[in-house]
Amino acid sequence: MGWKDVAKLATGLVSELKEKAEEYRPEAVAAREAESEARAETERRDRLADRSAAGATAELTITLSGGEQGTLTITLPCEREEADGWWRLRLEAPDPVLLGTTALAALSLAVPAYDGPGRYDLADLHRRGETGEIESWEAFDLYLTPATEVDDRTWFVDVSATPPPVVVVGTEAVEFDLPLGSAVNAIRAVGTVRW
């Protein structure tokens, strides 16, 4: 290999390094991230519109007390499932809706060790999971968020609160009384979801 061949390889390598440097410039990375976020938001809105069009909605009546306060009744796109011993329900708004002193973007309810309609004491289920009586579980499936993405303002169920968090699952509705905590404050959410 002669010096001309080495020079040609070096020129190619310099060109490739320059392209990589351009690709990882902060402006280029930010543009790709913004494009990805916009695409994800469009997909989320399309998914919610499809649910609404298919009639997969539920009416939520909710009252907050504690660090935030408010009452709201609204019909939102809804997803419900029973799988792997869990019952789950998720309501999500295309845009956050005003709920007194805060907003509501999504509400997620869940019951581990689900065995049909009935009253579920989540503190007891959490204790039973920690002792190995049932499969261990974390309370991250039960939350209320005021923004379309989970952040420090998102409230998660507090399984150590008194009175304990309770979910009552019926055939056409679910009732809930949930103490919730975030990095910002603590609230209690009481309500019903009818489908």
N, C-alpha and C. Protein backbone atom coordinates (compact mmCIF):
# COMPACT_ATOMS: atom_id res chain seq x y z
N MET A 1 0.86 -1.17 0.00
CA MET A 1 0.00 0.00 0.00
C MET A 1 0.90 1.23 0.00
N GLY A 2 0.67 2.08 -0.97
CA GLY A 2 1.49 3.29 -1.11
C GLY A 2 0.90 4.46 -0.34
N TRP A 3 1.68 5.59 -0.40
CA TRP A 3 1.26 6.76 0.35
C TRP A 3 -0.03 7.35 -0.18
N LYS A 4 -0.32 7.15 -1.50
CA LYS A 4 -1.58 7.65 -2.07
C LYS A 4 -2.77 6.86 -1.50
N ASP A 5 -2.55 5.54 -1.32
CA ASP A 5 -3.62 4.72 -0.74
C ASP A 5 -3.87 5.11 0.72
N VAL A 6 -2.80 5.35 1.46
CA VAL A 6 -2.93 5.78 2.86
C VAL A 6 -3.63 7.14 2.93
N ALA A 7 -3.27 8.06 2.04
CA ALA A 7 -3.90 9.38 2.01
C ALA A 7 -5.39 9.26 1.70
N LYS A 8 -5.76 8.37 0.79
CA LYS A 8 -7.17 8.17 0.41
C LYS A 8 -7.94 7.62 1.62
N LEU A 9 -7.35 6.64 2.32
CA LEU A 9 -8.00 6.08 3.51
C LEU A 9 -8.16 7.15 4.59
N ALA A 10 -7.12 7.95 4.78
CA ALA A 10 -7.17 9.01 5.79
C ALA A 10 -8.24 10.03 5.46
N THR A 11 -8.36 10.39 4.19
CA THR A 11 -9.39 11.34 3.76
C THR A 11 -10.78 10.78 4.05
N GLY A 12 -10.97 9.48 3.76
CA GLY A 12 -12.26 8.84 4.04
C GLY A 12 -12.56 8.81 5.52
N LEU A 13 -11.53 8.52 6.32
CA LEU A 13 -11.70 8.48 7.77
C LEU A 13 -12.04 9.87 8.32
N VAL A 14 -11.37 10.89 7.84
CA VAL A 14 -11.65 12.27 8.27
C VAL A 14 -13.08 12.65 7.91
N SER A 15 -13.52 12.28 6.71
CA SER A 15 -14.90 12.56 6.28
C SER A 15 -15.91 11.86 7.19
N GLU A 16 -15.64 10.60 7.51
CA GLU A 16 -16.53 9.83 8.36
C GLU A 16 -16.59 10.42 9.77
N LEU A 17 -15.45 10.82 10.30
CA LEU A 17 -15.41 11.44 11.62
C LEU A 17 -16.17 12.77 11.64
N LYS A 18 -16.05 13.53 10.56
CA LYS A 18 -16.76 14.80 10.46
C LYS A 18 -18.27 14.57 10.46
N GLU A 19 -18.73 13.55 9.71
CA GLU A 19 -20.17 13.23 9.67
C GLU A 19 -20.66 12.82 11.06
N LYS A 20 -19.88 11.99 11.76
CA LYS A 20 -20.25 11.57 13.11
C LYS A 20 -20.32 12.76 14.06
N ALA A 21 -19.34 13.66 13.94
CA ALA A 21 -19.33 14.86 14.80
C ALA A 21 -20.57 15.70 14.56
N GLU A 22 -20.96 15.84 13.29
CA GLU A 22 -22.18 16.59 12.94
C GLU A 22 -23.43 15.91 13.53
N GLU A 23 -23.45 14.58 13.44
CA GLU A 23 -24.58 13.80 13.90
C GLU A 23 -24.80 13.95 15.41
N TYR A 24 -23.71 14.13 16.16
CA TYR A 24 -23.81 14.22 17.62
C TYR A 24 -23.70 15.64 18.17
N ARG A 25 -23.78 16.63 17.29
CA ARG A 25 -23.83 18.01 17.76
C ARG A 25 -25.09 18.17 18.61
N PRO A 26 -25.05 18.98 19.65
CA PRO A 26 -26.23 19.15 20.52
C PRO A 26 -27.49 19.53 19.75
N GLU A 27 -27.34 20.38 18.72
CA GLU A 27 -28.52 20.80 17.95
C GLU A 27 -29.12 19.62 17.19
N ALA A 28 -28.27 18.75 16.64
CA ALA A 28 -28.75 17.59 15.88
C ALA A 28 -29.42 16.59 16.82
N VAL A 29 -28.84 16.36 17.99
CA VAL A 29 -29.42 15.45 18.96
C VAL A 29 -30.77 15.99 19.43
N ALA A 30 -30.83 17.28 19.73
CA ALA A 30 -32.09 17.90 20.18
C ALA A 30 -33.17 17.80 19.10
N ALA A 31 -32.80 17.99 17.85
CA ALA A 31 -33.77 17.90 16.76
C ALA A 31 -34.32 16.48 16.65
N ARG A 32 -33.46 15.48 16.76
CA ARG A 32 -33.92 14.09 16.69
C ARG A 32 -34.84 13.76 17.87
N GLU A 33 -34.47 14.25 19.05
CA GLU A 33 -35.30 13.99 20.23
C GLU A 33 -36.67 14.66 20.08
N ALA A 34 -36.70 15.89 19.58
CA ALA A 34 -37.97 16.60 19.38
C ALA A 34 -38.84 15.86 18.37
N GLU A 35 -38.22 15.37 17.32
CA GLU A 35 -38.96 14.62 16.30
C GLU A 35 -39.53 13.33 16.88
N SER A 36 -38.75 12.66 17.70
CA SER A 36 -39.20 11.42 18.33
C SER A 36 -40.35 11.69 19.30
N GLU A 37 -40.25 12.76 20.09
CA GLU A 37 -41.32 13.12 21.02
C GLU A 37 -42.60 13.50 20.28
N ALA A 38 -42.47 14.23 19.18
CA ALA A 38 -43.64 14.60 18.39
C ALA A 38 -44.31 13.36 17.80
N ARG A 39 -43.51 12.42 17.33
CA ARG A 39 -44.06 11.18 16.76
C ARG A 39 -44.78 10.39 17.86
N ALA A 40 -44.19 10.29 19.04
CA ALA A 40 -44.80 9.56 20.16
C ALA A 40 -46.12 10.23 20.58
N GLU A 41 -46.15 11.55 20.62
CA GLU A 41 -47.37 12.27 20.99
C GLU A 41 -48.47 12.04 19.96
N THR A 42 -48.12 12.05 18.67
CA THR A 42 -49.10 11.78 17.61
C THR A 42 -49.65 10.37 17.75
N GLU A 43 -48.78 9.40 18.02
CA GLU A 43 -49.22 8.01 18.21
C GLU A 43 -50.14 7.89 19.43
N ARG A 44 -49.81 8.59 20.52
CA ARG A 44 -50.64 8.57 21.73
C ARG A 44 -52.03 9.13 21.44
N ARG A 45 -52.07 10.27 20.78
CA ARG A 45 -53.36 10.88 20.45
C ARG A 45 -54.19 9.99 19.51
N ASP A 46 -53.53 9.38 18.52
CA ASP A 46 -54.22 8.46 17.61
C ASP A 46 -54.80 7.27 18.37
N ARG A 47 -54.01 6.72 19.31
CA ARG A 47 -54.47 5.58 20.12
C ARG A 47 -55.70 5.96 20.94
N LEU A 48 -55.67 7.13 21.55
CA LEU A 48 -56.81 7.59 22.35
C LEU A 48 -58.03 7.86 21.49
N ALA A 49 -57.83 8.45 20.30
CA ALA A 49 -58.94 8.70 19.38
C ALA A 49 -59.56 7.38 18.92
N ASP A 50 -58.73 6.38 18.65
CA ASP A 50 -59.24 5.07 18.24
C ASP A 50 -60.08 4.44 19.36
N ARG A 51 -59.62 4.55 20.60
CA ARG A 51 -60.39 4.01 21.73
C ARG A 51 -61.74 4.70 21.84
N SER A 52 -61.72 6.03 21.75
CA SER A 52 -62.98 6.77 21.85
C SER A 52 -63.93 6.39 20.72
N ALA A 53 -63.41 6.30 19.51
CA ALA A 53 -64.24 5.94 18.35
C ALA A 53 -64.83 4.54 18.49
N ALA A 54 -64.10 3.65 19.15
CA ALA A 54 -64.57 2.28 19.34
C ALA A 54 -65.50 2.15 20.55
N GLY A 55 -65.72 3.26 21.26
CA GLY A 55 -66.59 3.24 22.44
C GLY A 55 -65.90 2.75 23.70
N ALA A 56 -64.59 2.64 23.67
CA ALA A 56 -63.83 2.21 24.85
C ALA A 56 -63.58 3.42 25.74
N THR A 57 -64.66 3.86 26.40
CA THR A 57 -64.58 5.02 27.28
C THR A 57 -65.22 4.66 28.62
N ALA A 58 -64.97 5.49 29.60
CA ALA A 58 -65.58 5.31 30.92
C ALA A 58 -65.77 6.68 31.55
N GLU A 59 -66.77 6.77 32.41
CA GLU A 59 -67.03 8.03 33.12
C GLU A 59 -66.33 8.00 34.47
N LEU A 60 -65.48 8.97 34.69
CA LEU A 60 -64.75 9.12 35.95
C LEU A 60 -65.38 10.23 36.77
N THR A 61 -65.67 9.94 38.03
CA THR A 61 -66.04 10.95 39.01
C THR A 61 -64.98 10.85 40.10
N ILE A 62 -64.28 11.96 40.35
CA ILE A 62 -63.16 11.93 41.28
C ILE A 62 -63.16 13.19 42.14
N THR A 63 -62.79 13.02 43.40
CA THR A 63 -62.63 14.13 44.33
C THR A 63 -61.26 14.00 44.98
N LEU A 64 -60.50 15.09 44.95
CA LEU A 64 -59.18 15.14 45.59
C LEU A 64 -59.26 15.98 46.85
N SER A 65 -58.50 15.56 47.87
CA SER A 65 -58.35 16.36 49.08
C SER A 65 -56.90 16.25 49.52
N GLY A 66 -56.50 17.12 50.43
CA GLY A 66 -55.11 17.13 50.89
C GLY A 66 -54.33 18.24 50.21
N GLY A 67 -53.15 17.92 49.70
CA GLY A 67 -52.28 18.91 49.06
C GLY A 67 -52.85 19.54 47.81
N GLU A 68 -53.80 18.90 47.18
CA GLU A 68 -54.55 19.45 46.03
C GLU A 68 -56.01 19.14 46.30
N GLN A 69 -56.89 20.00 45.75
CA GLN A 69 -58.31 19.79 45.99
C GLN A 69 -59.09 20.04 44.73
N GLY A 70 -60.15 19.26 44.55
CA GLY A 70 -61.01 19.46 43.40
C GLY A 70 -61.91 18.27 43.16
N THR A 71 -62.91 18.50 42.33
CA THR A 71 -63.86 17.47 41.94
C THR A 71 -64.07 17.56 40.44
N LEU A 72 -64.23 16.40 39.82
CA LEU A 72 -64.37 16.35 38.37
C LEU A 72 -65.20 15.14 37.99
N THR A 73 -66.07 15.31 36.98
CA THR A 73 -66.75 14.20 36.33
C THR A 73 -66.49 14.37 34.84
N ILE A 74 -65.93 13.31 34.22
CA ILE A 74 -65.54 13.39 32.82
C ILE A 74 -65.53 12.00 32.19
N THR A 75 -65.81 11.92 30.91
CA THR A 75 -65.71 10.67 30.17
C THR A 75 -64.39 10.69 29.40
N LEU A 76 -63.61 9.62 29.58
CA LEU A 76 -62.27 9.53 28.97
C LEU A 76 -62.07 8.19 28.29
N PRO A 77 -61.13 8.13 27.35
CA PRO A 77 -60.75 6.83 26.78
C PRO A 77 -60.27 5.92 27.90
N CYS A 78 -60.67 4.65 27.82
CA CYS A 78 -60.41 3.71 28.90
C CYS A 78 -59.86 2.40 28.35
N GLU A 79 -58.93 1.84 29.10
CA GLU A 79 -58.39 0.52 28.78
C GLU A 79 -58.51 -0.33 30.04
N ARG A 80 -59.18 -1.49 29.93
CA ARG A 80 -59.32 -2.41 31.06
C ARG A 80 -58.80 -3.77 30.66
N GLU A 81 -58.19 -4.46 31.64
CA GLU A 81 -57.74 -5.82 31.35
C GLU A 81 -57.65 -6.65 32.62
N GLU A 82 -57.83 -7.94 32.46
CA GLU A 82 -57.58 -8.93 33.49
C GLU A 82 -56.57 -9.89 32.91
N ALA A 83 -55.38 -9.96 33.51
CA ALA A 83 -54.35 -10.85 32.99
C ALA A 83 -53.34 -11.17 34.07
N ASP A 84 -52.86 -12.38 34.08
CA ASP A 84 -51.78 -12.81 34.98
C ASP A 84 -52.08 -12.50 36.45
N GLY A 85 -53.34 -12.67 36.85
CA GLY A 85 -53.71 -12.43 38.24
C GLY A 85 -53.87 -10.97 38.61
N TRP A 86 -53.89 -10.09 37.62
CA TRP A 86 -54.06 -8.65 37.86
C TRP A 86 -55.33 -8.16 37.18
N TRP A 87 -55.95 -7.16 37.79
CA TRP A 87 -57.02 -6.38 37.16
C TRP A 87 -56.46 -4.98 37.01
N ARG A 88 -56.56 -4.41 35.79
CA ARG A 88 -56.02 -3.07 35.55
C ARG A 88 -57.03 -2.22 34.77
N LEU A 89 -57.02 -0.91 35.08
CA LEU A 89 -57.82 0.06 34.35
C LEU A 89 -56.98 1.32 34.21
N ARG A 90 -57.00 1.88 33.00
CA ARG A 90 -56.26 3.13 32.77
C ARG A 90 -57.14 4.08 31.98
N LEU A 91 -57.30 5.28 32.53
CA LEU A 91 -58.00 6.38 31.86
C LEU A 91 -56.94 7.40 31.46
N GLU A 92 -57.07 7.94 30.26
CA GLU A 92 -56.08 8.92 29.80
C GLU A 92 -56.77 10.00 28.97
N ALA A 93 -56.45 11.24 29.27
CA ALA A 93 -57.01 12.38 28.54
C ALA A 93 -56.07 12.77 27.41
N PRO A 94 -56.61 13.14 26.26
CA PRO A 94 -55.73 13.63 25.18
C PRO A 94 -54.91 14.84 25.63
N ASP A 95 -55.54 15.71 26.39
CA ASP A 95 -54.87 16.87 26.99
C ASP A 95 -55.25 16.91 28.47
N PRO A 96 -54.34 17.31 29.35
CA PRO A 96 -54.69 17.38 30.77
C PRO A 96 -55.93 18.25 30.98
N VAL A 97 -56.81 17.80 31.88
CA VAL A 97 -58.04 18.55 32.19
C VAL A 97 -57.93 19.11 33.60
N LEU A 98 -58.50 20.26 33.80
CA LEU A 98 -58.45 20.94 35.09
C LEU A 98 -59.20 20.12 36.14
N LEU A 99 -58.54 19.88 37.27
CA LEU A 99 -59.13 19.16 38.39
C LEU A 99 -58.85 19.99 39.64
N GLY A 100 -59.68 20.98 39.87
CA GLY A 100 -59.50 21.88 41.02
C GLY A 100 -58.18 22.61 40.94
N THR A 101 -57.32 22.38 41.94
CA THR A 101 -56.04 23.08 42.00
C THR A 101 -54.93 22.38 41.23
N THR A 102 -55.26 21.32 40.50
CA THR A 102 -54.27 20.58 39.70
C THR A 102 -54.91 20.20 38.37
N ALA A 103 -54.37 19.20 37.73
CA ALA A 103 -54.90 18.70 36.46
C ALA A 103 -54.89 17.18 36.49
N LEU A 104 -55.60 16.59 35.55
CA LEU A 104 -55.62 15.14 35.41
C LEU A 104 -55.28 14.80 33.97
N ALA A 105 -54.21 14.04 33.78
CA ALA A 105 -53.86 13.54 32.44
C ALA A 105 -54.12 12.05 32.35
N ALA A 106 -53.85 11.32 33.45
CA ALA A 106 -54.07 9.88 33.45
C ALA A 106 -54.32 9.39 34.87
N LEU A 107 -55.16 8.36 34.96
CA LEU A 107 -55.42 7.67 36.21
C LEU A 107 -55.29 6.19 35.94
N SER A 108 -54.48 5.51 36.74
CA SER A 108 -54.29 4.08 36.59
C SER A 108 -54.64 3.39 37.90
N LEU A 109 -55.55 2.41 37.80
CA LEU A 109 -55.95 1.60 38.95
C LEU A 109 -55.54 0.17 38.67
N ALA A 110 -55.20 -0.57 39.72
CA ALA A 110 -54.81 -1.97 39.54
C ALA A 110 -55.06 -2.73 40.82
N VAL A 111 -55.31 -4.02 40.66
CA VAL A 111 -55.49 -4.93 41.80
C VAL A 111 -54.66 -6.17 41.55
N PRO A 112 -53.65 -6.43 42.40
CA PRO A 112 -52.89 -7.68 42.29
C PRO A 112 -53.68 -8.82 42.95
N ALA A 113 -53.34 -10.05 42.62
CA ALA A 113 -54.01 -11.23 43.20
C ALA A 113 -55.52 -11.12 43.00
N TYR A 114 -55.92 -10.65 41.83
CA TYR A 114 -57.34 -10.43 41.52
C TYR A 114 -58.05 -11.77 41.34
N ASP A 115 -59.19 -11.91 42.01
CA ASP A 115 -59.97 -13.14 41.83
C ASP A 115 -61.45 -12.86 41.64
N GLY A 116 -61.74 -11.76 40.95
CA GLY A 116 -63.12 -11.43 40.62
C GLY A 116 -63.60 -10.19 41.35
N PRO A 117 -64.81 -9.74 41.01
CA PRO A 117 -65.36 -8.54 41.65
C PRO A 117 -65.35 -8.66 43.17
N GLY A 118 -65.07 -7.51 43.81
CA GLY A 118 -65.05 -7.49 45.26
C GLY A 118 -64.22 -6.32 45.78
N ARG A 119 -64.08 -6.28 47.10
CA ARG A 119 -63.33 -5.21 47.76
C ARG A 119 -61.90 -5.67 47.99
N TYR A 120 -60.94 -4.83 47.62
CA TYR A 120 -59.52 -5.17 47.75
C TYR A 120 -58.81 -4.11 48.59
N ASP A 121 -58.29 -4.54 49.73
CA ASP A 121 -57.50 -3.70 50.61
C ASP A 121 -56.06 -3.79 50.12
N LEU A 122 -55.55 -2.73 49.50
CA LEU A 122 -54.22 -2.78 48.89
C LEU A 122 -53.10 -2.85 49.91
N ALA A 123 -53.32 -2.30 51.11
CA ALA A 123 -52.30 -2.40 52.17
C ALA A 123 -52.15 -3.86 52.58
N ASP A 124 -53.27 -4.57 52.72
CA ASP A 124 -53.22 -5.99 53.07
C ASP A 124 -52.56 -6.80 51.95
N LEU A 125 -52.92 -6.50 50.72
CA LEU A 125 -52.32 -7.22 49.58
C LEU A 125 -50.81 -6.96 49.50
N HIS A 126 -50.40 -5.74 49.82
CA HIS A 126 -48.96 -5.42 49.80
C HIS A 126 -48.24 -6.19 50.91
N ARG A 127 -48.83 -6.23 52.11
CA ARG A 127 -48.25 -6.98 53.22
C ARG A 127 -48.14 -8.46 52.86
N ARG A 128 -49.20 -9.01 52.27
CA ARG A 128 -49.19 -10.42 51.87
C ARG A 128 -48.14 -10.68 50.80
N GLY A 129 -47.91 -9.71 49.92
CA GLY A 129 -46.87 -9.86 48.91
C GLY A 129 -45.48 -9.86 49.52
N GLU A 130 -45.29 -9.02 50.54
CA GLU A 130 -43.97 -8.96 51.20
C GLU A 130 -43.67 -10.22 52.01
N THR A 131 -44.70 -10.88 52.53
CA THR A 131 -44.48 -12.11 53.31
C THR A 131 -44.44 -13.35 52.44
N GLY A 132 -44.68 -13.20 51.14
CA GLY A 132 -44.63 -14.35 50.24
C GLY A 132 -45.93 -15.11 50.12
N GLU A 133 -46.98 -14.64 50.79
CA GLU A 133 -48.29 -15.30 50.71
C GLU A 133 -48.86 -15.20 49.30
N ILE A 134 -48.64 -14.06 48.67
CA ILE A 134 -48.97 -13.88 47.25
C ILE A 134 -47.71 -13.36 46.57
N GLU A 135 -47.75 -13.28 45.25
CA GLU A 135 -46.58 -12.77 44.53
C GLU A 135 -46.31 -11.32 44.94
N SER A 136 -45.05 -11.00 45.18
CA SER A 136 -44.65 -9.65 45.57
C SER A 136 -44.98 -8.66 44.46
N TRP A 137 -45.37 -7.45 44.85
CA TRP A 137 -45.72 -6.43 43.85
C TRP A 137 -45.40 -5.05 44.40
N GLU A 138 -45.20 -4.12 43.47
CA GLU A 138 -44.95 -2.72 43.80
C GLU A 138 -46.18 -1.90 43.44
N ALA A 139 -46.35 -0.79 44.09
CA ALA A 139 -47.56 0.03 43.93
C ALA A 139 -47.48 1.00 42.74
N PHE A 140 -46.56 0.79 41.82
CA PHE A 140 -46.39 1.73 40.71
C PHE A 140 -47.51 1.65 39.67
N ASP A 141 -48.36 0.63 39.73
CA ASP A 141 -49.46 0.52 38.77
C ASP A 141 -50.67 1.35 39.18
N LEU A 142 -50.63 1.97 40.35
CA LEU A 142 -51.73 2.81 40.81
C LEU A 142 -51.21 4.22 40.94
N TYR A 143 -51.66 5.09 40.05
CA TYR A 143 -51.16 6.47 40.07
C TYR A 143 -52.14 7.43 39.42
N LEU A 144 -51.93 8.69 39.70
CA LEU A 144 -52.65 9.79 39.06
C LEU A 144 -51.58 10.79 38.64
N THR A 145 -51.62 11.19 37.39
CA THR A 145 -50.62 12.16 36.93
C THR A 145 -51.29 13.38 36.31
N PRO A 146 -50.80 14.57 36.64
CA PRO A 146 -51.37 15.79 36.07
C PRO A 146 -50.79 16.15 34.71
N ALA A 147 -49.76 15.43 34.27
CA ALA A 147 -49.10 15.73 32.99
C ALA A 147 -49.08 14.47 32.13
N THR A 148 -48.88 14.65 30.83
CA THR A 148 -48.90 13.50 29.93
C THR A 148 -47.72 12.57 30.13
N GLU A 149 -46.67 13.03 30.82
CA GLU A 149 -45.54 12.18 31.15
C GLU A 149 -45.35 12.17 32.66
N VAL A 150 -44.96 11.03 33.19
CA VAL A 150 -44.72 10.90 34.63
C VAL A 150 -43.56 11.79 35.03
N ASP A 151 -43.77 12.57 36.10
CA ASP A 151 -42.70 13.42 36.62
C ASP A 151 -42.85 13.51 38.14
N ASP A 152 -42.17 14.47 38.78
CA ASP A 152 -42.20 14.59 40.24
C ASP A 152 -43.59 14.89 40.80
N ARG A 153 -44.49 15.38 39.95
CA ARG A 153 -45.85 15.70 40.41
C ARG A 153 -46.78 14.48 40.38
N THR A 154 -46.33 13.38 39.81
CA THR A 154 -47.17 12.18 39.71
C THR A 154 -47.33 11.56 41.09
N TRP A 155 -48.59 11.26 41.45
CA TRP A 155 -48.90 10.65 42.74
C TRP A 155 -49.03 9.15 42.57
N PHE A 156 -48.36 8.39 43.45
CA PHE A 156 -48.46 6.94 43.48
C PHE A 156 -49.15 6.53 44.78
N VAL A 157 -49.82 5.39 44.76
CA VAL A 157 -50.56 4.93 45.94
C VAL A 157 -49.61 4.72 47.11
N ASP A 158 -50.10 5.10 48.29
CA ASP A 158 -49.34 4.94 49.53
C ASP A 158 -49.95 3.77 50.29
N VAL A 159 -49.31 2.59 50.20
CA VAL A 159 -49.86 1.39 50.83
C VAL A 159 -49.70 1.37 52.34
N SER A 160 -48.96 2.35 52.90
CA SER A 160 -48.78 2.39 54.35
C SER A 160 -49.68 3.41 55.02
N ALA A 161 -50.57 4.05 54.27
CA ALA A 161 -51.43 5.10 54.81
C ALA A 161 -52.56 4.52 55.67
N THR A 162 -53.10 5.38 56.53
CA THR A 162 -54.27 5.04 57.34
C THR A 162 -55.32 6.10 57.09
N PRO A 163 -56.54 5.76 56.72
CA PRO A 163 -57.01 4.43 56.36
C PRO A 163 -56.32 3.94 55.09
N PRO A 164 -56.32 2.61 54.89
CA PRO A 164 -55.58 2.02 53.77
C PRO A 164 -56.24 2.29 52.42
N PRO A 165 -55.48 2.17 51.34
CA PRO A 165 -56.06 2.31 50.01
C PRO A 165 -56.97 1.11 49.70
N VAL A 166 -58.12 1.42 49.10
CA VAL A 166 -59.10 0.38 48.81
C VAL A 166 -59.62 0.57 47.38
N VAL A 167 -59.76 -0.56 46.68
CA VAL A 167 -60.38 -0.58 45.36
C VAL A 167 -61.51 -1.61 45.41
N VAL A 168 -62.70 -1.20 44.98
CA VAL A 168 -63.85 -2.10 44.95
C VAL A 168 -64.23 -2.29 43.48
N VAL A 169 -63.97 -3.49 42.97
CA VAL A 169 -64.22 -3.78 41.56
C VAL A 169 -65.60 -4.41 41.42
N GLY A 170 -66.42 -3.83 40.55
CA GLY A 170 -67.73 -4.39 40.24
C GLY A 170 -67.78 -4.83 38.79
N THR A 171 -68.94 -5.24 38.34
CA THR A 171 -69.07 -5.69 36.95
C THR A 171 -69.24 -4.53 35.98
N GLU A 172 -69.71 -3.37 36.47
CA GLU A 172 -69.91 -2.22 35.59
C GLU A 172 -69.22 -0.96 36.09
N ALA A 173 -68.53 -1.07 37.23
CA ALA A 173 -67.87 0.11 37.80
C ALA A 173 -66.80 -0.33 38.79
N VAL A 174 -65.94 0.61 39.11
CA VAL A 174 -64.95 0.41 40.16
C VAL A 174 -64.98 1.65 41.04
N GLU A 175 -64.92 1.44 42.35
CA GLU A 175 -64.84 2.54 43.30
C GLU A 175 -63.45 2.50 43.92
N PHE A 176 -62.92 3.67 44.25
CA PHE A 176 -61.59 3.71 44.84
C PHE A 176 -61.50 4.79 45.89
N ASP A 177 -60.65 4.52 46.89
CA ASP A 177 -60.33 5.47 47.95
C ASP A 177 -58.83 5.30 48.16
N LEU A 178 -58.04 6.21 47.58
CA LEU A 178 -56.60 6.03 47.51
C LEU A 178 -55.82 7.19 48.11
N PRO A 179 -55.04 6.93 49.15
CA PRO A 179 -54.06 7.91 49.57
C PRO A 179 -52.90 7.84 48.57
N LEU A 180 -52.46 8.99 48.08
CA LEU A 180 -51.42 9.05 47.05
C LEU A 180 -50.35 10.05 47.46
N GLY A 181 -49.12 9.79 47.08
CA GLY A 181 -48.03 10.71 47.39
C GLY A 181 -47.13 10.93 46.19
N SER A 182 -46.61 12.14 46.08
CA SER A 182 -45.65 12.50 45.04
C SER A 182 -44.43 13.13 45.71
N ALA A 183 -43.48 13.55 44.91
CA ALA A 183 -42.32 14.27 45.45
C ALA A 183 -42.73 15.66 45.93
N VAL A 184 -43.91 16.12 45.51
CA VAL A 184 -44.37 17.47 45.83
C VAL A 184 -45.29 17.51 47.04
N ASN A 185 -46.30 16.60 47.07
CA ASN A 185 -47.26 16.62 48.17
C ASN A 185 -48.04 15.30 48.24
N ALA A 186 -48.97 15.23 49.17
CA ALA A 186 -49.81 14.05 49.35
C ALA A 186 -51.27 14.44 49.14
N ILE A 187 -52.04 13.52 48.56
CA ILE A 187 -53.47 13.76 48.32
C ILE A 187 -54.23 12.49 48.65
N ARG A 188 -55.56 12.62 48.68
CA ARG A 188 -56.43 11.45 48.76
C ARG A 188 -57.38 11.59 47.57
N ALA A 189 -57.49 10.51 46.78
CA ALA A 189 -58.38 10.49 45.62
C ALA A 189 -59.49 9.48 45.90
N VAL A 190 -60.73 9.96 45.83
CA VAL A 190 -61.89 9.11 46.05
C VAL A 190 -62.77 9.25 44.83
N GLY A 191 -63.27 8.13 44.33
CA GLY A 191 -64.13 8.25 43.15
C GLY A 191 -64.65 6.94 42.63
N THR A 192 -65.24 7.06 41.44
CA THR A 192 -65.85 5.93 40.75
C THR A 192 -65.55 6.04 39.26
N VAL A 193 -65.35 4.88 38.65
CA VAL A 193 -65.24 4.79 37.19
C VAL A 193 -66.33 3.84 36.72
N ARG A 194 -67.20 4.33 35.81
CA ARG A 194 -68.28 3.49 35.25
C ARG A 194 -68.03 3.29 33.77
N TRP A 195 -68.15 2.03 33.33
CA TRP A 195 -67.96 1.72 31.90
C TRP A 195 -69.21 1.12 31.31
